[in-house]
C-alpha atoms as a PDB file:
ATOM      1  CA  MET A   1      18.285  -1.813 -70.599  1.00  0.00           C
ATOM      2  CA  GLU A   2      15.479   0.690 -71.395  1.00  0.00           C
ATOM      3  CA  LYS A   3      13.681  -1.968 -73.658  1.00  0.00           C
ATOM      4  CA  HIS A   4      13.509  -4.383 -70.530  1.00  0.00           C
ATOM      5  CA  GLY A   5      12.381  -1.640 -67.920  1.00  0.00           C
ATOM      6  CA  LEU A   6      16.048  -1.601 -66.126  1.00  0.00           C
ATOM      7  CA  HIS A   7      16.459   1.687 -64.951  1.00  0.00           C
ATOM      8  CA  GLY A   8      19.199   3.500 -63.317  1.00  0.00           C
ATOM      9  CA  ASP A   9      21.940   1.332 -61.833  1.00  0.00           C
ATOM     10  CA  ARG A  10      19.455  -1.631 -61.098  1.00  0.00           C
ATOM     11  CA  LEU A  11      21.893  -3.698 -63.620  1.00  0.00           C
ATOM     12  CA  THR A  12      25.514  -3.427 -64.013  1.00  0.00           C
ATOM     13  CA  ILE A  13      27.554  -5.434 -66.364  1.00  0.00           C
ATOM     14  CA  SER A  14      31.315  -5.376 -65.941  1.00  0.00           C
ATOM     15  CA  LYS A  15      33.873  -4.559 -68.521  1.00  0.00           C
ATOM     16  CA  TYR A  16      35.322  -8.062 -68.023  1.00  0.00           C
ATOM     17  CA  ALA A  17      31.845  -9.922 -68.497  1.00  0.00           C
ATOM     18  CA  ILE A  18      31.069  -8.081 -71.727  1.00  0.00           C
ATOM     19  CA  GLU A  19      34.733  -9.194 -73.054  1.00  0.00           C
ATOM     20  CA  SER A  20      34.009 -12.526 -72.046  1.00  0.00           C
ATOM     21  CA  VAL A  21      30.496 -12.524 -74.014  1.00  0.00           C
ATOM     22  CA  ILE A  22      32.177 -11.519 -76.984  1.00  0.00           C
ATOM     23  CA  ASN A  23      35.098 -14.040 -76.658  1.00  0.00           C
ATOM     24  CA  HIS A  24      33.089 -17.161 -75.361  1.00  0.00           C
ATOM     25  CA  TYR A  25      29.490 -16.534 -76.388  1.00  0.00           C
ATOM     26  CA  THR A  26      29.509 -14.975 -79.910  1.00  0.00           C
ATOM     27  CA  ARG A  27      31.497 -15.774 -82.989  1.00  0.00           C
ATOM     28  CA  GLU A  28      30.414 -13.236 -85.771  1.00  0.00           C
ATOM     29  CA  ALA A  29      31.666 -10.426 -87.952  1.00  0.00           C
ATOM     30  CA  GLY A  30      28.962  -7.900 -86.764  1.00  0.00           C
ATOM     31  CA  VAL A  31      27.134  -7.393 -83.057  1.00  0.00           C
ATOM     32  CA  ARG A  32      23.713  -9.040 -83.634  1.00  0.00           C
ATOM     33  CA  ASN A  33      24.428 -12.102 -81.272  1.00  0.00           C
ATOM     34  CA  LEU A  34      26.444  -9.861 -78.833  1.00  0.00           C
ATOM     35  CA  GLU A  35      23.155  -7.366 -78.907  1.00  0.00           C
ATOM     36  CA  ARG A  36      21.080 -11.065 -78.164  1.00  0.00           C
ATOM     37  CA  ASN A  37      23.393 -12.024 -75.358  1.00  0.00           C
ATOM     38  CA  ILE A  38      23.084  -8.754 -73.672  1.00  0.00           C
ATOM     39  CA  ALA A  39      19.206  -9.012 -73.978  1.00  0.00           C
ATOM     40  CA  SER A  40      19.227 -12.397 -72.500  1.00  0.00           C
ATOM     41  CA  LEU A  41      21.298 -10.794 -69.504  1.00  0.00           C
ATOM     42  CA  CYS A  42      18.794  -7.945 -69.178  1.00  0.00           C
ATOM     43  CA  ARG A  43      15.655 -10.469 -69.379  1.00  0.00           C
ATOM     44  CA  LYS A  44      17.346 -12.841 -66.430  1.00  0.00           C
ATOM     45  CA  ALA A  45      18.219  -9.783 -64.455  1.00  0.00           C
ATOM     46  CA  ALA A  46      14.811  -8.170 -64.325  1.00  0.00           C
ATOM     47  CA  LYS A  47      13.393 -11.773 -63.329  1.00  0.00           C
ATOM     48  CA  LYS A  48      16.055 -11.886 -60.541  1.00  0.00           C
ATOM     49  CA  LEU A  49      15.103  -8.409 -59.249  1.00  0.00           C
ATOM     50  CA  VAL A  50      11.221  -9.495 -59.175  1.00  0.00           C
ATOM     51  CA  GLU A  51      11.671 -12.947 -57.904  1.00  0.00           C
ATOM     52  CA  ASN A  52      14.155 -12.305 -55.204  1.00  0.00           C
ATOM     53  CA  ASP A  53      12.960  -8.493 -54.375  1.00  0.00           C
ATOM     54  CA  LYS A  54      16.438  -7.111 -55.029  1.00  0.00           C
ATOM     55  CA  GLU A  55      17.743  -3.570 -55.605  1.00  0.00           C
ATOM     56  CA  LYS A  56      20.437  -4.456 -58.020  1.00  0.00           C
ATOM     57  CA  VAL A  57      21.954  -7.066 -59.980  1.00  0.00           C
ATOM     58  CA  LYS A  58      25.802  -7.069 -60.728  1.00  0.00           C
ATOM     59  CA  ILE A  59      27.052  -9.439 -63.594  1.00  0.00           C
ATOM     60  CA  ASN A  60      30.804  -9.983 -63.702  1.00  0.00           C
ATOM     61  CA  ARG A  61      33.111 -12.730 -65.304  1.00  0.00           C
ATOM     62  CA  GLY A  62      32.693 -14.891 -62.172  1.00  0.00           C
ATOM     63  CA  ASN A  63      28.692 -15.227 -62.425  1.00  0.00           C
ATOM     64  CA  LEU A  64      28.154 -15.033 -65.990  1.00  0.00           C
ATOM     65  CA  GLU A  65      28.069 -18.716 -66.668  1.00  0.00           C
ATOM     66  CA  SER A  66      25.070 -18.807 -64.273  1.00  0.00           C
ATOM     67  CA  TYR A  67      23.083 -16.441 -66.625  1.00  0.00           C
ATOM     68  CA  LEU A  68      24.254 -17.498 -70.164  1.00  0.00           C
ATOM     69  CA  GLY A  69      25.243 -21.126 -69.364  1.00  0.00           C
ATOM     70  CA  LYS A  70      28.478 -22.909 -70.240  1.00  0.00           C
ATOM     71  CA  LYS A  71      31.018 -20.915 -72.924  1.00  0.00           C
ATOM     72  CA  LYS A  72      30.137 -21.790 -76.449  1.00  0.00           C
ATOM     73  CA  TYR A  73      33.291 -20.940 -78.052  1.00  0.00           C
ATOM     74  CA  ARG A  74      37.255 -21.173 -77.110  1.00  0.00           C
ATOM     75  CA  TYR A  75      39.977 -19.822 -78.389  1.00  0.00           C
ATOM     76  CA  ASP A  76      43.778 -20.602 -77.973  1.00  0.00           C
ATOM     77  CA  LEU A  77      46.252 -19.585 -75.435  1.00  0.00           C
ATOM     78  CA  LEU A  78      49.848 -19.822 -75.172  1.00  0.00           C
ATOM     79  CA  GLY A  79      51.230 -22.951 -74.073  1.00  0.00           C
ATOM     80  CA  GLU A  80      53.286 -23.482 -70.933  1.00  0.00           C
ATOM     81  CA  GLU A  81      56.471 -24.809 -72.869  1.00  0.00           C
ATOM     82  CA  ASN A  82      58.152 -24.517 -76.118  1.00  0.00           C
ATOM     83  CA  ILE A  83      57.203 -27.915 -78.110  1.00  0.00           C
ATOM     84  CA  VAL A  84      59.273 -29.579 -80.900  1.00  0.00           C
ATOM     85  CA  GLY A  85      57.280 -29.620 -83.905  1.00  0.00           C
ATOM     86  CA  VAL A  86      54.498 -27.200 -82.968  1.00  0.00           C
ATOM     87  CA  ALA A  87      54.151 -23.711 -84.527  1.00  0.00           C
ATOM     88  CA  ASN A  88      51.592 -20.940 -84.136  1.00  0.00           C
ATOM     89  CA  GLY A  89      49.959 -20.145 -87.381  1.00  0.00           C
ATOM     90  CA  LEU A  90      47.544 -17.363 -87.991  1.00  0.00           C
ATOM     91  CA  ALA A  91      44.289 -17.781 -90.441  1.00  0.00           C
ATOM     92  CA  TRP A  92      41.621 -15.480 -91.255  1.00  0.00           C
ATOM     93  CA  THR A  93      38.021 -16.726 -91.358  1.00  0.00           C
ATOM     94  CA  ALA A  94      34.527 -14.755 -92.191  1.00  0.00           C
ATOM     95  CA  VAL A  95      34.335 -14.005 -88.607  1.00  0.00           C
ATOM     96  CA  GLY A  96      37.866 -12.679 -87.971  1.00  0.00           C
ATOM     97  CA  GLY A  97      41.323 -13.725 -87.140  1.00  0.00           C
ATOM     98  CA  GLU A  98      41.944 -17.278 -85.795  1.00  0.00           C
ATOM     99  CA  THR A  99      45.210 -19.020 -84.518  1.00  0.00           C
ATOM    100  CA  LEU A 100      46.109 -22.276 -85.871  1.00  0.00           C
ATOM    101  CA  SER A 101      48.569 -24.949 -83.965  1.00  0.00           C
ATOM    102  CA  ILE A 102      50.136 -26.659 -86.600  1.00  0.00           C
ATOM    103  CA  GLU A 103      51.723 -30.148 -85.248  1.00  0.00           C
ATOM    104  CA  VAL A 104      54.320 -31.955 -87.299  1.00  0.00           C
ATOM    105  CA  ASN A 105      55.710 -35.663 -86.049  1.00  0.00           C
ATOM    106  CA  SER A 106      58.636 -37.174 -87.863  1.00  0.00           C
ATOM    107  CA  MET A 107      58.800 -40.829 -87.438  1.00  0.00           C
ATOM    108  CA  LYS A 108      60.899 -43.983 -88.827  1.00  0.00           C
ATOM    109  CA  GLY A 109      59.231 -45.015 -92.182  1.00  0.00           C
ATOM    110  CA  ASN A 110      59.673 -44.948 -95.772  1.00  0.00           C
ATOM    111  CA  GLY A 111      59.244 -41.331 -96.908  1.00  0.00           C
ATOM    112  CA  LYS A 112      55.242 -40.881 -96.422  1.00  0.00           C
ATOM    113  CA  ILE A 113      53.755 -37.357 -95.963  1.00  0.00           C
ATOM    114  CA  HIS A 114      50.288 -37.834 -94.134  1.00  0.00           C
ATOM    115  CA  LEU A 115      47.954 -34.636 -94.159  1.00  0.00           C
ATOM    116  CA  THR A 116      45.499 -34.550 -91.598  1.00  0.00           C
ATOM    117  CA  GLY A 117      43.043 -31.814 -90.136  1.00  0.00           C
ATOM    118  CA  GLN A 118      40.723 -31.536 -92.905  1.00  0.00           C
ATOM    119  CA  LEU A 119      43.086 -29.414 -95.262  1.00  0.00           C
ATOM    120  CA  GLY A 120      41.852 -28.125 -98.428  1.00  0.00           C
ATOM    121  CA  ASP A 121      43.840 -28.486-101.496  1.00  0.00           C
ATOM    122  CA  VAL A 122      45.598 -25.368-101.684  1.00  0.00           C
ATOM    123  CA  MET A 123      47.059 -25.858 -97.898  1.00  0.00           C
ATOM    124  CA  LYS A 124      47.994 -29.239 -98.858  1.00  0.00           C
ATOM    125  CA  GLU A 125      49.927 -27.701-101.769  1.00  0.00           C
ATOM    126  CA  SER A 126      51.516 -25.075 -99.610  1.00  0.00           C
ATOM    127  CA  ALA A 127      52.690 -28.044 -97.086  1.00  0.00           C
ATOM    128  CA  MET A 128      54.189 -29.782-100.084  1.00  0.00           C
ATOM    129  CA  ALA A 129      56.215 -26.773-101.210  1.00  0.00           C
ATOM    130  CA  GLY A 130      57.125 -26.148 -97.778  1.00  0.00           C
ATOM    131  CA  ILE A 131      58.246 -29.989 -97.817  1.00  0.00           C
ATOM    132  CA  SER A 132      60.419 -29.690-100.847  1.00  0.00           C
ATOM    133  CA  TYR A 133      62.144 -26.275 -99.964  1.00  0.00           C
ATOM    134  CA  VAL A 134      63.368 -28.478 -96.519  1.00  0.00           C
ATOM    135  CA  ARG A 135      64.612 -31.259 -98.846  1.00  0.00           C
ATOM    136  CA  LEU A 136      66.437 -29.140-101.149  1.00  0.00           C
ATOM    137  CA  ASN A 137      68.197 -27.252 -98.140  1.00  0.00           C
ATOM    138  CA  TYR A 138      68.554 -30.595 -95.920  1.00  0.00           C
ATOM    139  CA  ASP A 139      72.780 -29.453 -95.599  1.00  0.00           C
ATOM    140  CA  LYS A 140      71.669 -25.903 -94.358  1.00  0.00           C
ATOM    141  CA  PHE A 141      69.593 -27.578 -91.502  1.00  0.00           C
ATOM    142  CA  LYS A 142      71.685 -30.144 -90.816  1.00  0.00           C
ATOM    143  CA  ILE A 143      69.074 -32.883 -91.499  1.00  0.00           C
ATOM    144  CA  ASP A 144      69.958 -36.267 -92.908  1.00  0.00           C
ATOM    145  CA  ALA A 145      70.033 -36.186 -96.687  1.00  0.00           C
ATOM    146  CA  ASN A 146      68.083 -39.323 -96.637  1.00  0.00           C
ATOM    147  CA  PHE A 147      65.368 -37.922 -94.281  1.00  0.00           C
ATOM    148  CA  TYR A 148      62.503 -38.375 -97.146  1.00  0.00           C
ATOM    149  CA  LYS A 149      63.451 -41.893 -97.682  1.00  0.00           C
ATOM    150  CA  ASP A 150      63.772 -43.018 -94.175  1.00  0.00           C
ATOM    151  CA  MET A 151      61.217 -40.790 -92.362  1.00  0.00           C
ATOM    152  CA  ASP A 152      57.326 -40.336 -92.508  1.00  0.00           C
ATOM    153  CA  ILE A 153      56.102 -36.850 -91.942  1.00  0.00           C
ATOM    154  CA  HIS A 154      52.746 -36.285 -90.470  1.00  0.00           C
ATOM    155  CA  ILE A 155      51.362 -32.712 -90.593  1.00  0.00           C
ATOM    156  CA  HIS A 156      48.083 -31.985 -88.562  1.00  0.00           C
ATOM    157  CA  VAL A 157      45.896 -29.012 -87.864  1.00  0.00           C
ATOM    158  CA  PRO A 158      43.977 -29.482 -84.821  1.00  0.00           C
ATOM    159  CA  GLU A 159      39.737 -29.243 -84.684  1.00  0.00           C
ATOM    160  CA  GLY A 160      39.709 -31.399 -87.689  1.00  0.00           C
ATOM    161  CA  ALA A 161      36.067 -30.872 -87.753  1.00  0.00           C
ATOM    162  CA  ILE A 162      36.777 -27.407 -89.395  1.00  0.00           C
ATOM    163  CA  PRO A 163      37.636 -27.123 -92.952  1.00  0.00           C
ATOM    164  CA  LYS A 164      40.929 -25.213 -93.506  1.00  0.00           C
ATOM    165  CA  ASP A 165      42.580 -23.781 -96.905  1.00  0.00           C
ATOM    166  CA  GLY A 166      44.652 -21.126 -98.238  1.00  0.00           C
ATOM    167  CA  PRO A 167      48.184 -20.761 -98.744  1.00  0.00           C
ATOM    168  CA  SER A 168      49.344 -18.386 -96.006  1.00  0.00           C
ATOM    169  CA  ALA A 169      50.169 -21.207 -93.342  1.00  0.00           C
ATOM    170  CA  GLY A 170      53.035 -21.980 -95.672  1.00  0.00           C
ATOM    171  CA  ILE A 171      55.979 -20.828 -93.405  1.00  0.00           C
ATOM    172  CA  THR A 172      54.351 -22.141 -90.555  1.00  0.00           C
ATOM    173  CA  ILE A 173      54.314 -25.492 -91.892  1.00  0.00           C
ATOM    174  CA  ALA A 174      57.828 -25.376 -93.206  1.00  0.00           C
ATOM    175  CA  SER A 175      58.969 -24.111 -89.650  1.00  0.00           C
ATOM    176  CA  ALA A 176      57.246 -27.095 -87.837  1.00  0.00           C
ATOM    177  CA  VAL A 177      58.760 -29.656 -90.366  1.00  0.00           C
ATOM    178  CA  VAL A 178      61.886 -28.194 -89.669  1.00  0.00           C
ATOM    179  CA  SER A 179      61.650 -28.145 -85.830  1.00  0.00           C
ATOM    180  CA  ALA A 180      60.328 -31.919 -86.057  1.00  0.00           C
ATOM    181  CA  LEU A 181      63.431 -33.035 -88.071  1.00  0.00           C
ATOM    182  CA  CYS A 182      65.917 -30.958 -86.143  1.00  0.00           C
ATOM    183  CA  ASN A 183      64.309 -31.844 -82.780  1.00  0.00           C
ATOM    184  CA  ILE A 184      64.803 -28.334 -81.787  1.00  0.00           C
ATOM    185  CA  PRO A 185      61.275 -26.605 -80.349  1.00  0.00           C
ATOM    186  CA  ILE A 186      60.053 -23.377 -81.679  1.00  0.00           C
ATOM    187  CA  HIS A 187      59.442 -20.401 -79.373  1.00  0.00           C
ATOM    188  CA  ARG A 188      55.886 -20.633 -78.141  1.00  0.00           C
ATOM    189  CA  ASP A 189      55.226 -16.858 -77.736  1.00  0.00           C
ATOM    190  CA  VAL A 190      55.715 -16.457 -81.652  1.00  0.00           C
ATOM    191  CA  ALA A 191      53.236 -16.644 -84.363  1.00  0.00           C
ATOM    192  CA  MET A 192      53.579 -16.254 -88.073  1.00  0.00           C
ATOM    193  CA  THR A 193      51.535 -16.224 -91.458  1.00  0.00           C
ATOM    194  CA  GLY A 194      53.025 -16.070 -95.287  1.00  0.00           C
ATOM    195  CA  GLU A 195      52.727 -18.310 -98.158  1.00  0.00           C
ATOM    196  CA  ILE A 196      56.107 -19.902 -99.373  1.00  0.00           C
ATOM    197  CA  THR A 197      57.451 -20.998-102.928  1.00  0.00           C
ATOM    198  CA  LEU A 198      59.512 -23.610-103.516  1.00  0.00           C
ATOM    199  CA  ARG A 199      62.555 -21.554-103.440  1.00  0.00           C
ATOM    200  CA  GLY A 200      61.926 -20.560-100.004  1.00  0.00           C
ATOM    201  CA  ARG A 201      60.426 -16.993-100.842  1.00  0.00           C
ATOM    202  CA  VAL A 202      57.794 -15.683 -98.394  1.00  0.00           C
ATOM    203  CA  LEU A 203      54.884 -13.993-100.294  1.00  0.00           C
ATOM    204  CA  PRO A 204      52.108 -11.358 -99.006  1.00  0.00           C
ATOM    205  CA  VAL A 205      48.836 -12.791 -97.609  1.00  0.00           C
ATOM    206  CA  GLY A 206      45.763 -11.202 -96.776  1.00  0.00           C
ATOM    207  CA  GLY A 207      43.766 -10.350 -93.554  1.00  0.00           C
ATOM    208  CA  ILE A 208      46.651  -8.997 -91.627  1.00  0.00           C
ATOM    209  CA  LYS A 209      44.688  -6.909 -89.448  1.00  0.00           C
ATOM    210  CA  GLU A 210      42.372  -9.860 -88.048  1.00  0.00           C
ATOM    211  CA  LYS A 211      45.215 -12.282 -87.789  1.00  0.00           C
ATOM    212  CA  VAL A 212      47.234 -10.172 -85.752  1.00  0.00           C
ATOM    213  CA  LEU A 213      44.507  -9.289 -83.288  1.00  0.00           C
ATOM    214  CA  ALA A 214      44.074 -13.337 -82.989  1.00  0.00           C
ATOM    215  CA  ALA A 215      47.575 -13.342 -82.326  1.00  0.00           C
ATOM    216  CA  HIS A 216      47.290 -10.768 -79.717  1.00  0.00           C
ATOM    217  CA  ARG A 217      44.326 -12.408 -78.056  1.00  0.00           C
ATOM    218  CA  MET A 218      46.402 -15.563 -77.909  1.00  0.00           C
ATOM    219  CA  GLY A 219      49.008 -13.547 -75.924  1.00  0.00           C
ATOM    220  CA  VAL A 220      52.257 -14.052 -78.268  1.00  0.00           C
ATOM    221  CA  SER A 221      54.872 -11.111 -78.103  1.00  0.00           C
ATOM    222  CA  LYS A 222      56.180 -11.594 -81.824  1.00  0.00           C
ATOM    223  CA  VAL A 223      54.488 -11.915 -85.170  1.00  0.00           C
ATOM    224  CA  ILE A 224      56.281 -12.761 -88.294  1.00  0.00           C
ATOM    225  CA  LEU A 225      54.896 -11.413 -91.227  1.00  0.00           C
ATOM    226  CA  PRO A 226      55.832 -11.141 -95.235  1.00  0.00           C
ATOM    227  CA  HIS A 227      58.089  -8.077 -96.010  1.00  0.00           C
ATOM    228  CA  GLU A 228      55.142  -7.048 -98.448  1.00  0.00           C
ATOM    229  CA  ASN A 229      52.533  -6.854 -95.712  1.00  0.00           C
ATOM    230  CA  GLN A 230      54.280  -3.894 -94.029  1.00  0.00           C
ATOM    231  CA  LYS A 231      51.758  -1.636 -95.378  1.00  0.00           C
ATOM    232  CA  ASP A 232      48.943  -3.426 -93.608  1.00  0.00           C
ATOM    233  CA  ILE A 233      50.271  -2.628 -89.998  1.00  0.00           C
ATOM    234  CA  GLU A 234      48.638   1.154 -90.277  1.00  0.00           C
ATOM    235  CA  GLU A 235      45.296  -0.881 -90.024  1.00  0.00           C
ATOM    236  CA  ILE A 236      46.084  -2.156 -86.357  1.00  0.00           C
ATOM    237  CA  PRO A 237      45.001  -0.409 -83.495  1.00  0.00           C
ATOM    238  CA  GLY A 238      47.688   1.580 -81.766  1.00  0.00           C
ATOM    239  CA  LYS A 239      46.942  -0.164 -78.096  1.00  0.00           C
ATOM    240  CA  VAL A 240      47.315  -3.657 -79.999  1.00  0.00           C
ATOM    241  CA  LYS A 241      50.493  -2.809 -82.117  1.00  0.00           C
ATOM    242  CA  ARG A 242      52.661  -1.492 -78.892  1.00  0.00           C
ATOM    243  CA  LYS A 243      52.273  -5.085 -77.398  1.00  0.00           C
ATOM    244  CA  LEU A 244      53.663  -6.870 -80.246  1.00  0.00           C
ATOM    245  CA  ALA A 245      57.003  -7.049 -82.190  1.00  0.00           C
ATOM    246  CA  PHE A 246      56.678  -7.331 -85.819  1.00  0.00           C
ATOM    247  CA  ILE A 247      59.354  -9.039 -87.985  1.00  0.00           C
ATOM    248  CA  PHE A 248      58.901  -8.867 -91.717  1.00  0.00           C
ATOM    249  CA  VAL A 249      60.668 -11.403 -93.910  1.00  0.00           C
ATOM    250  CA  LYS A 250      61.204 -12.047 -97.516  1.00  0.00           C
ATOM    251  CA  ASP A 251      62.443 -15.826 -97.361  1.00  0.00           C
ATOM    252  CA  ILE A 252      61.797 -18.765 -95.046  1.00  0.00           C
ATOM    253  CA  ASN A 253      65.519 -18.667 -93.665  1.00  0.00           C
ATOM    254  CA  GLN A 254      65.085 -15.487 -91.759  1.00  0.00           C
ATOM    255  CA  VAL A 255      62.025 -17.178 -90.316  1.00  0.00           C
ATOM    256  CA  ILE A 256      64.034 -20.342 -89.076  1.00  0.00           C
END
């Protein structure tokens, strides 16, 4: 504000407006673009003060778009209902945590598995491991023993233009597959992350702090994490920790 000649209380930007700039106009690990956006608000406010001979300018969430234009980025919010074959996964990216909505459809076919959404090799292998575990334990989940012959399974991760990889969606994919085959919806207020082995063990993953922050931003109430990631909870801010229930699991049966 000093750099743009705005002294005293001639410009006020609400806390909610700043949060909206962070969430919808920047996607970065640092604060460079946040600073640029605030500088842009200062310039436009200074222009308004001069042109309209105003004493003060107030920027809030309601008028923010008139200064910065339409929102550039979006993030997932909780859906309104539980849906069969849809699970909330958590991912780490270079600019922080992200939520991944993983969708699975099962339909009459001849045992084909379709993987779409620009998935990397590691993520594809993770999906295959999850399906193998479900096949091995079909009786436990009360699934038809011949589902892998008579059904096609389509696994899709939306926002297909963005490449996705890594093993941490293993338990999310397995949960969505079981949900689709059993026709039982998954709780929409649960998010999860963890690698799965062929025997159904859940292995630890990285980026827990960023993933939990993404889950909190989405509005979930429970987060399922690998048992060995318990130590990583210490890094999460207290005000976020207090709003979430953490469930630590050692195998996929606990997740289901």
